[in-house]
Amino acid sequence: MNAPLLLRNVGRGESTEAAAVPPVLPSPTALQAPDHAARRRIAVFRALQLGDMLCAVPALRALREGEPDAHITLIGLPWVREFASRFGSLIDDVMVFPGAPGFPERPYDAAAQAAFHAEARARRFDLAIQMHGSGALSNDVVRQLGARTITGFCATSAEAALANEHERLLPWPGGNEIECLLGLMRALGYPVVDPHLAFPLRPQDHAGWQRLAELHGLVGGEYICVHPGARMLSRRWPVERFADVALRLRKRWRIVVTGAPDEIMLTHRLCELIGGDVVNLTGATPLGELAALIAHARLLLCNDSGPSRIAAALDTPSVVVSCGGESDRWAPLDATLHHVLASYPPCRPCNWQKCPFRHECATAITVDAVEAEALSLASRGYDHA
């Protein structure tokens, strides 16, 4: 039997486990570098993709407010350079993580890893903050950075109790990712900040949107973005159902389909099913232009993927069909503007690339349910761009 359909309501400012993390760690003052240090050096490890990185922006904001003069290095995947270029007020420079045994985000390169750790130790970080999950894999990476002190999460209370004098670890609390990371910042004594996400748009992003609007006859607030892809196949709602919803919405608004270059076959199939006047921009929008396109959309319809977090950052209403993963962990905080639909069979959450069962977490979410949520948000009007 299918699990019941649930509409998750995680509202901004609501209490979660992460929000209740007690301030048991030393304050930033207690972790200060020696007086002779000209500038405090901090490393932040978070080797994740776009949507997951955007969830860390409020925590990085708190870190910068608490350490306005520190030199902050973000360690992440190769695309982190693009991320850092948009958040120059929060990040001073980057290091590219070369992978490590067991990490799914990047193939392991032993030679590159040795050079990476040598460079990290040469930088003589005063503090390294692990913002990459519970620490089951990432704490060993952070320990090898050679920082004077490391902090972050660990898997259990027992592991936290065993940390040495150079480690200040908290047991992983679960809950929403944004609040979880902000809980860590509060435990370190950093300021309380606005949990709202951000995605700074550049002049060229706005110019790209204007070009697309002129080329395809798009008008702000008069189209709906449909993004049917996700990195893991198990995270995708069936493309036929995206098409059915789009066909119903097309009676009132134009449909713009977006996707990564490697999702061309998926989006081509979607456009075939929709037919008619649909704009397919798959692979045609750099990250900034995609964000500007979402900023001017009346609504985003997507899986639980990076564009969902862009919509949350830019206050574009969204309907998110969440399959496979941890819905409560990744749901936008503003449940009035972003509606997340999810079903919970016993096998969830999963880490399968492709569901080996019947993909019940996806098929239990009906076209009628998604259409109803889309109409409830899109019918409110357009005032966010």
Protein backbone atom coordinates (compact mmCIF):
# COMPACT_ATOMS: atom_id res chain seq x y z
CA MET A 1 0.00 0.00 0.00
CA ASN A 2 1.26 3.46 -0.81
CA ALA A 3 2.40 5.64 2.06
CA PRO A 4 0.15 8.64 2.75
CA LEU A 5 0.79 11.84 0.85
CA LEU A 6 2.05 14.59 3.12
CA LEU A 7 2.55 18.27 2.47
CA ARG A 8 5.51 19.28 4.58
CA ASN A 9 5.16 22.57 6.42
CA VAL A 10 8.51 23.69 7.75
CA GLY A 11 7.93 27.37 8.44
CA ARG A 12 10.62 30.02 8.71
CA GLY A 13 11.56 30.51 12.31
CA GLU A 14 9.92 27.31 13.56
CA SER A 15 11.80 25.32 16.14
CA THR A 16 13.76 22.25 15.06
CA GLU A 17 16.28 20.01 16.80
CA ALA A 18 19.11 21.99 15.24
CA ALA A 19 17.72 25.24 16.58
CA ALA A 20 17.91 23.76 20.07
CA VAL A 21 21.64 22.96 19.97
CA PRO A 22 23.03 24.27 23.27
CA PRO A 23 25.96 26.68 23.23
CA VAL A 24 28.43 24.18 24.68
CA LEU A 25 31.39 24.97 22.46
CA PRO A 26 34.00 27.60 23.16
CA SER A 27 33.14 31.05 21.87
CA PRO A 28 35.03 32.48 18.87
CA THR A 29 37.09 34.53 21.34
CA ALA A 30 38.21 31.37 23.08
CA LEU A 31 39.37 29.96 19.77
CA GLN A 32 41.31 33.05 18.70
CA ALA A 33 44.69 32.78 17.02
CA PRO A 34 47.79 33.92 18.91
CA ASP A 35 48.18 37.69 19.29
CA HIS A 36 51.04 37.78 16.81
CA ALA A 37 48.81 36.52 13.98
CA ALA A 38 48.05 39.36 11.57
CA ARG A 39 44.78 37.85 10.42
CA ARG A 40 42.86 34.85 11.68
CA ARG A 41 42.71 32.00 9.16
CA ILE A 42 39.55 29.89 8.93
CA ALA A 43 38.77 26.96 6.64
CA VAL A 44 35.20 25.82 5.95
CA PHE A 45 34.77 22.34 4.45
CA ARG A 46 31.60 21.73 2.43
CA ALA A 47 32.21 19.73 -0.75
CA LEU A 48 28.67 19.65 -2.11
CA GLN A 49 26.63 20.75 -5.12
CA LEU A 50 24.67 23.94 -5.72
CA GLY A 51 21.52 23.41 -3.69
CA ASP A 52 23.37 22.01 -0.70
CA MET A 53 25.88 24.87 -0.82
CA LEU A 54 23.15 27.50 -0.83
CA CYS A 55 21.80 26.02 2.40
CA ALA A 56 25.09 27.01 4.06
CA VAL A 57 24.85 30.70 3.13
CA PRO A 58 23.15 31.79 6.39
CA ALA A 59 25.82 29.97 8.43
CA LEU A 60 28.57 31.63 6.37
CA ARG A 61 26.81 34.95 6.99
CA ALA A 62 26.94 34.32 10.74
CA LEU A 63 30.60 33.35 10.52
CA ARG A 64 31.50 36.54 8.67
CA GLU A 65 29.55 38.73 11.08
CA GLY A 66 31.36 37.12 13.98
CA GLU A 67 34.77 37.16 12.24
CA PRO A 68 34.75 40.33 10.10
CA ASP A 69 38.54 40.47 9.82
CA ALA A 70 39.25 36.76 9.32
CA HIS A 71 40.52 35.23 6.09
CA ILE A 72 37.91 32.58 5.26
CA THR A 73 38.75 29.79 2.81
CA LEU A 74 35.93 27.64 1.46
CA ILE A 75 36.94 24.09 0.55
CA GLY A 76 34.62 22.46 -1.96
CA LEU A 77 34.11 20.85 -5.35
CA PRO A 78 35.61 22.49 -8.48
CA TRP A 79 32.50 24.59 -9.10
CA VAL A 80 33.07 26.27 -5.72
CA ARG A 81 34.96 29.01 -7.56
CA GLU A 82 31.69 30.12 -9.14
CA PHE A 83 29.98 30.02 -5.76
CA ALA A 84 32.72 32.05 -4.08
CA SER A 85 32.70 34.66 -6.84
CA ARG A 86 29.07 35.44 -5.97
CA PHE A 87 29.68 35.55 -2.24
CA GLY A 88 32.88 37.57 -2.05
CA SER A 89 31.64 39.34 1.07
CA LEU A 90 31.53 36.01 2.90
CA ILE A 91 34.47 34.11 1.38
CA ASP A 92 38.03 35.28 0.71
CA ASP A 93 39.32 32.37 -1.34
CA VAL A 94 38.78 28.71 -2.15
CA MET A 95 40.54 25.38 -2.23
CA VAL A 96 39.30 22.59 -4.47
CA PHE A 97 38.70 19.28 -2.68
CA PRO A 98 40.25 16.42 -4.71
CA GLY A 99 38.04 13.70 -3.26
CA ALA A 100 38.64 11.07 -0.60
CA PRO A 101 37.86 7.37 -0.14
CA GLY A 102 34.14 6.83 0.25
CA PHE A 103 33.07 10.30 -0.90
CA PRO A 104 30.39 10.05 -3.62
CA GLU A 105 30.75 13.68 -4.68
CA ARG A 106 34.06 13.28 -6.51
CA PRO A 107 36.37 10.43 -7.70
CA TYR A 108 39.32 9.90 -5.37
CA ASP A 109 42.71 11.09 -6.64
CA ALA A 110 45.44 10.04 -4.19
CA ALA A 111 48.17 12.19 -5.75
CA ALA A 112 45.98 15.27 -5.82
CA GLN A 113 44.86 14.62 -2.24
CA ALA A 114 48.45 14.56 -0.98
CA ALA A 115 49.16 17.91 -2.64
CA PHE A 116 45.88 19.30 -1.31
CA HIS A 117 46.68 18.44 2.30
CA ALA A 118 50.22 19.77 1.95
CA GLU A 119 48.84 23.10 0.76
CA ALA A 120 46.28 23.16 3.56
CA ARG A 121 48.91 22.56 6.22
CA ALA A 122 51.09 25.27 4.70
CA ARG A 123 48.22 27.73 5.16
CA ARG A 124 48.30 27.11 8.93
CA PHE A 125 44.59 27.46 9.55
CA ASP A 126 43.66 28.58 13.05
CA LEU A 127 40.21 27.03 12.80
CA ALA A 128 38.65 24.48 10.43
CA ILE A 129 34.85 24.14 10.45
CA GLN A 130 33.28 20.95 9.13
CA MET A 131 29.96 21.85 7.44
CA HIS A 132 29.66 18.60 5.49
CA GLY A 133 27.04 16.49 7.24
CA SER A 134 27.45 14.39 10.35
CA GLY A 135 31.20 14.01 9.91
CA ALA A 136 31.21 10.24 9.36
CA LEU A 137 33.50 10.77 6.34
CA SER A 138 34.28 14.45 6.44
CA ASN A 139 35.83 14.76 9.91
CA ASP A 140 38.87 12.72 8.84
CA VAL A 141 39.34 15.06 5.87
CA VAL A 142 39.14 18.11 8.12
CA ARG A 143 41.56 16.63 10.65
CA GLN A 144 44.18 16.34 7.92
CA LEU A 145 44.00 20.06 7.16
CA GLY A 146 46.36 20.66 10.07
CA ALA A 147 44.26 23.39 11.70
CA ARG A 148 44.99 24.42 15.27
CA THR A 149 41.35 23.70 16.21
CA ILE A 150 38.57 21.91 14.33
CA THR A 151 34.88 22.10 14.99
CA GLY A 152 31.68 20.79 13.46
CA PHE A 153 29.39 17.83 13.85
CA CYS A 154 30.06 14.20 14.63
CA ALA A 155 27.82 11.16 14.36
CA THR A 156 27.14 10.47 18.05
CA SER A 157 27.37 11.95 21.55
CA ALA A 158 29.94 9.28 22.40
CA GLU A 159 32.19 10.47 19.58
CA ALA A 160 31.80 14.07 20.75
CA ALA A 161 32.88 13.05 24.26
CA LEU A 162 36.02 11.37 22.87
CA ALA A 163 37.21 14.43 20.92
CA ASN A 164 40.71 15.57 21.86
CA GLU A 165 41.74 19.00 23.14
CA HIS A 166 42.02 20.33 19.58
CA GLU A 167 38.50 19.28 18.57
CA ARG A 168 35.19 20.85 19.51
CA LEU A 169 32.46 18.60 18.09
CA LEU A 170 28.68 18.46 18.49
CA PRO A 171 26.55 15.36 17.90
CA TRP A 172 24.60 15.61 14.64
CA PRO A 173 21.10 16.90 15.61
CA GLY A 174 19.19 16.24 12.40
CA GLY A 175 16.43 18.58 11.32
CA ASN A 176 16.47 21.19 8.60
CA GLU A 177 19.92 21.73 7.07
CA ILE A 178 19.80 25.52 7.29
CA GLU A 179 18.80 25.48 10.95
CA CYS A 180 21.28 22.70 11.69
CA LEU A 181 24.22 24.76 10.42
CA LEU A 182 22.96 27.88 12.16
CA GLY A 183 22.72 25.84 15.35
CA LEU A 184 26.40 25.06 15.02
CA MET A 185 27.17 28.75 14.57
CA ARG A 186 25.15 29.64 17.66
CA ALA A 187 26.94 26.95 19.64
CA LEU A 188 30.22 28.61 18.66
CA GLY A 189 28.92 31.96 19.89
CA TYR A 190 28.51 33.59 16.49
CA PRO A 191 25.67 36.11 15.95
CA VAL A 192 22.10 35.10 15.23
CA VAL A 193 21.38 36.00 11.60
CA ASP A 194 18.52 35.92 9.10
CA PRO A 195 18.10 32.30 7.91
CA HIS A 196 16.94 33.41 4.45
CA LEU A 197 19.01 32.05 1.57
CA ALA A 198 20.67 34.32 -0.98
CA PHE A 199 21.77 34.15 -4.60
CA PRO A 200 23.34 37.45 -5.76
CA LEU A 201 22.51 38.28 -9.37
CA ARG A 202 25.10 40.14 -11.47
CA PRO A 203 24.48 42.66 -14.26
CA GLN A 204 25.32 40.00 -16.85
CA ASP A 205 22.69 37.71 -15.34
CA HIS A 206 20.03 40.37 -15.75
CA ALA A 207 21.28 41.05 -19.28
CA GLY A 208 21.03 37.33 -20.05
CA TRP A 209 17.43 37.32 -18.86
CA GLN A 210 16.63 40.29 -21.11
CA ARG A 211 18.15 38.48 -24.07
CA LEU A 212 16.10 35.36 -23.39
CA ALA A 213 12.95 37.40 -22.87
CA GLU A 214 13.36 39.16 -26.21
CA LEU A 215 14.30 35.96 -28.05
CA HIS A 216 11.37 33.92 -26.75
CA GLY A 217 8.80 36.60 -25.99
CA LEU A 218 8.89 36.02 -22.26
CA VAL A 219 7.25 38.43 -19.84
CA GLY A 220 8.06 38.44 -16.14
CA GLY A 221 5.36 36.73 -14.13
CA GLU A 222 3.65 35.24 -17.18
CA TYR A 223 5.55 31.95 -17.37
CA ILE A 224 6.17 28.93 -15.16
CA CYS A 225 9.56 27.22 -15.02
CA VAL A 226 9.48 23.43 -15.05
CA HIS A 227 12.74 21.71 -14.07
CA PRO A 228 12.22 17.93 -14.27
CA GLY A 229 15.80 16.82 -13.60
CA ALA A 230 17.86 15.88 -10.56
CA ARG A 231 21.33 14.35 -10.27
CA MET A 232 20.00 11.06 -8.92
CA LEU A 233 17.35 9.26 -10.92
CA SER A 234 15.65 8.20 -7.71
CA ARG A 235 15.04 11.87 -6.93
CA ARG A 236 13.00 12.45 -10.11
CA TRP A 237 9.23 12.54 -10.30
CA PRO A 238 8.09 10.79 -13.53
CA VAL A 239 8.46 13.04 -16.57
CA GLU A 240 4.98 12.06 -17.77
CA ARG A 241 3.52 13.57 -14.61
CA PHE A 242 5.49 16.78 -15.03
CA ALA A 243 4.02 16.94 -18.54
CA ASP A 244 0.47 16.40 -17.32
CA VAL A 245 0.79 19.24 -14.80
CA ALA A 246 2.42 21.52 -17.38
CA LEU A 247 -0.39 20.88 -19.86
CA ARG A 248 -2.94 22.01 -17.27
CA LEU A 249 -0.94 25.09 -16.25
CA ARG A 250 -0.33 26.06 -19.87
CA LYS A 251 -3.96 27.10 -20.15
CA ARG A 252 -3.03 30.22 -18.17
CA TRP A 253 0.74 30.65 -18.37
CA ARG A 254 3.58 29.85 -20.76
CA ILE A 255 5.82 26.93 -19.88
CA VAL A 256 9.61 27.26 -19.83
CA VAL A 257 11.57 24.03 -19.42
CA THR A 258 15.08 24.12 -17.91
CA GLY A 259 17.73 21.52 -17.24
CA ALA A 260 21.42 20.72 -17.19
CA PRO A 261 23.19 19.81 -20.46
CA ASP A 262 23.20 16.11 -19.50
CA GLU A 263 19.40 16.20 -19.09
CA ILE A 264 18.66 17.01 -22.74
CA MET A 265 16.98 13.66 -23.44
CA LEU A 266 14.79 14.05 -20.37
CA THR A 267 13.66 17.58 -21.20
CA HIS A 268 13.22 16.75 -24.90
CA ARG A 269 10.82 14.00 -23.85
CA LEU A 270 8.99 16.46 -21.58
CA CYS A 271 8.62 19.01 -24.37
CA GLU A 272 7.36 16.31 -26.74
CA LEU A 273 4.68 15.36 -24.24
CA ILE A 274 3.66 18.97 -23.65
CA GLY A 275 3.74 19.95 -27.32
CA GLY A 276 2.81 23.37 -28.65
CA ASP A 277 4.33 26.62 -27.48
CA VAL A 278 6.85 25.46 -24.89
CA VAL A 279 10.26 27.12 -24.47
CA ASN A 280 13.07 24.61 -23.94
CA LEU A 281 16.18 26.23 -22.45
CA THR A 282 17.97 23.04 -21.40
CA GLY A 283 21.72 23.63 -21.33
CA ALA A 284 21.24 27.16 -22.71
CA THR A 285 21.43 29.09 -19.44
CA PRO A 286 24.59 29.55 -17.37
CA LEU A 287 23.95 29.39 -13.64
CA GLY A 288 23.36 33.13 -13.26
CA GLU A 289 20.96 33.29 -16.20
CA LEU A 290 19.06 30.30 -14.84
CA ALA A 291 18.70 32.11 -11.53
CA ALA A 292 17.50 35.29 -13.27
CA LEU A 293 15.01 33.22 -15.28
CA ILE A 294 13.67 31.69 -12.04
CA ALA A 295 13.59 35.15 -10.42
CA HIS A 296 11.18 36.40 -13.10
CA ALA A 297 9.03 33.26 -13.17
CA ARG A 298 5.59 33.17 -11.66
CA LEU A 299 6.35 29.73 -10.23
CA LEU A 300 8.99 27.01 -10.26
CA LEU A 301 7.91 23.37 -10.48
CA CYS A 302 10.79 20.99 -9.77
CA ASN A 303 12.19 18.02 -7.93
CA ASP A 304 14.13 18.45 -4.69
CA SER A 305 17.21 19.87 -6.46
CA GLY A 306 19.39 22.96 -6.80
CA PRO A 307 16.77 25.16 -8.54
CA SER A 308 14.52 24.71 -5.52
CA ARG A 309 17.09 26.48 -3.34
CA ILE A 310 17.56 29.21 -5.98
CA ALA A 311 13.81 29.85 -5.86
CA ALA A 312 13.96 30.02 -2.06
CA ALA A 313 16.84 32.50 -2.25
CA LEU A 314 15.03 34.73 -4.75
CA ASP A 315 11.53 34.42 -3.24
CA THR A 316 10.02 32.81 -6.31
CA PRO A 317 7.10 30.57 -5.28
CA SER A 318 7.83 26.89 -5.85
CA VAL A 319 6.23 23.48 -5.79
CA VAL A 320 8.82 20.84 -4.96
CA VAL A 321 8.16 17.15 -5.49
CA SER A 322 10.52 15.48 -3.04
CA CYS A 323 11.40 11.87 -3.83
CA GLY A 324 13.93 9.57 -2.20
CA GLY A 325 15.77 12.00 0.04
CA GLU A 326 15.19 13.65 3.41
CA SER A 327 12.37 16.11 2.75
CA ASP A 328 12.42 17.80 6.14
CA ARG A 329 16.17 18.29 5.96
CA TRP A 330 16.16 20.10 2.61
CA ALA A 331 12.74 21.80 2.57
CA PRO A 332 12.70 25.60 2.21
CA LEU A 333 11.98 27.29 5.52
CA ASP A 334 9.16 29.47 4.17
CA ALA A 335 6.28 27.02 3.84
CA THR A 336 3.87 29.74 2.74
CA LEU A 337 5.87 30.43 -0.42
CA HIS A 338 7.25 26.95 -1.10
CA HIS A 339 5.12 23.81 -0.99
CA VAL A 340 6.90 20.47 -0.70
CA LEU A 341 5.06 17.26 -1.47
CA ALA A 342 6.45 13.94 -0.28
CA SER A 343 5.40 10.38 0.44
CA TYR A 344 7.18 8.14 2.95
CA PRO A 345 7.36 4.42 2.17
CA PRO A 346 9.51 2.37 4.61
CA CYS A 347 12.54 2.41 2.28
CA ARG A 348 12.95 6.17 2.54
CA PRO A 349 15.38 7.92 2.73
CA CYS A 350 17.53 6.08 0.21
CA ASN A 351 20.84 6.55 -1.57
CA TRP A 352 20.00 4.54 -4.67
CA GLN A 353 20.90 6.18 -7.96
CA LYS A 354 17.90 4.40 -9.51
CA CYS A 355 15.14 2.95 -7.40
CA PRO A 356 15.34 -0.89 -7.42
CA PHE A 357 11.75 -1.20 -6.20
CA ARG A 358 8.60 0.49 -7.54
CA HIS A 359 9.65 4.10 -6.88
CA GLU A 360 6.67 4.38 -4.58
CA CYS A 361 7.86 7.65 -3.03
CA ALA A 362 7.41 9.26 -6.48
CA THR A 363 4.36 7.46 -7.85
CA ALA A 364 2.33 8.10 -4.68
CA ILE A 365 2.38 11.84 -5.49
CA THR A 366 -0.43 12.49 -7.94
CA VAL A 367 -0.75 14.96 -10.78
CA ASP A 368 -3.90 16.37 -9.17
CA ALA A 369 -2.05 17.08 -5.91
CA VAL A 370 0.82 18.85 -7.64
CA GLU A 371 -1.53 20.86 -9.86
CA ALA A 372 -3.54 21.99 -6.83
CA GLU A 373 -0.44 23.27 -5.05
CA ALA A 374 0.84 24.95 -8.21
CA LEU A 375 -2.44 26.76 -8.78
CA SER A 376 -2.70 27.85 -5.15
CA LEU A 377 0.69 29.57 -5.39
CA ALA A 378 0.57 30.84 -8.99
CA SER A 379 -2.88 32.35 -8.52
CA ARG A 380 -1.68 34.67 -5.75
CA GLY A 381 -0.19 37.13 -8.20
CA TYR A 382 3.34 38.14 -9.15
CA ASP A 383 5.35 40.53 -7.01
CA HIS A 384 8.73 38.90 -6.30
CA ALA A 385 11.04 40.09 -9.12
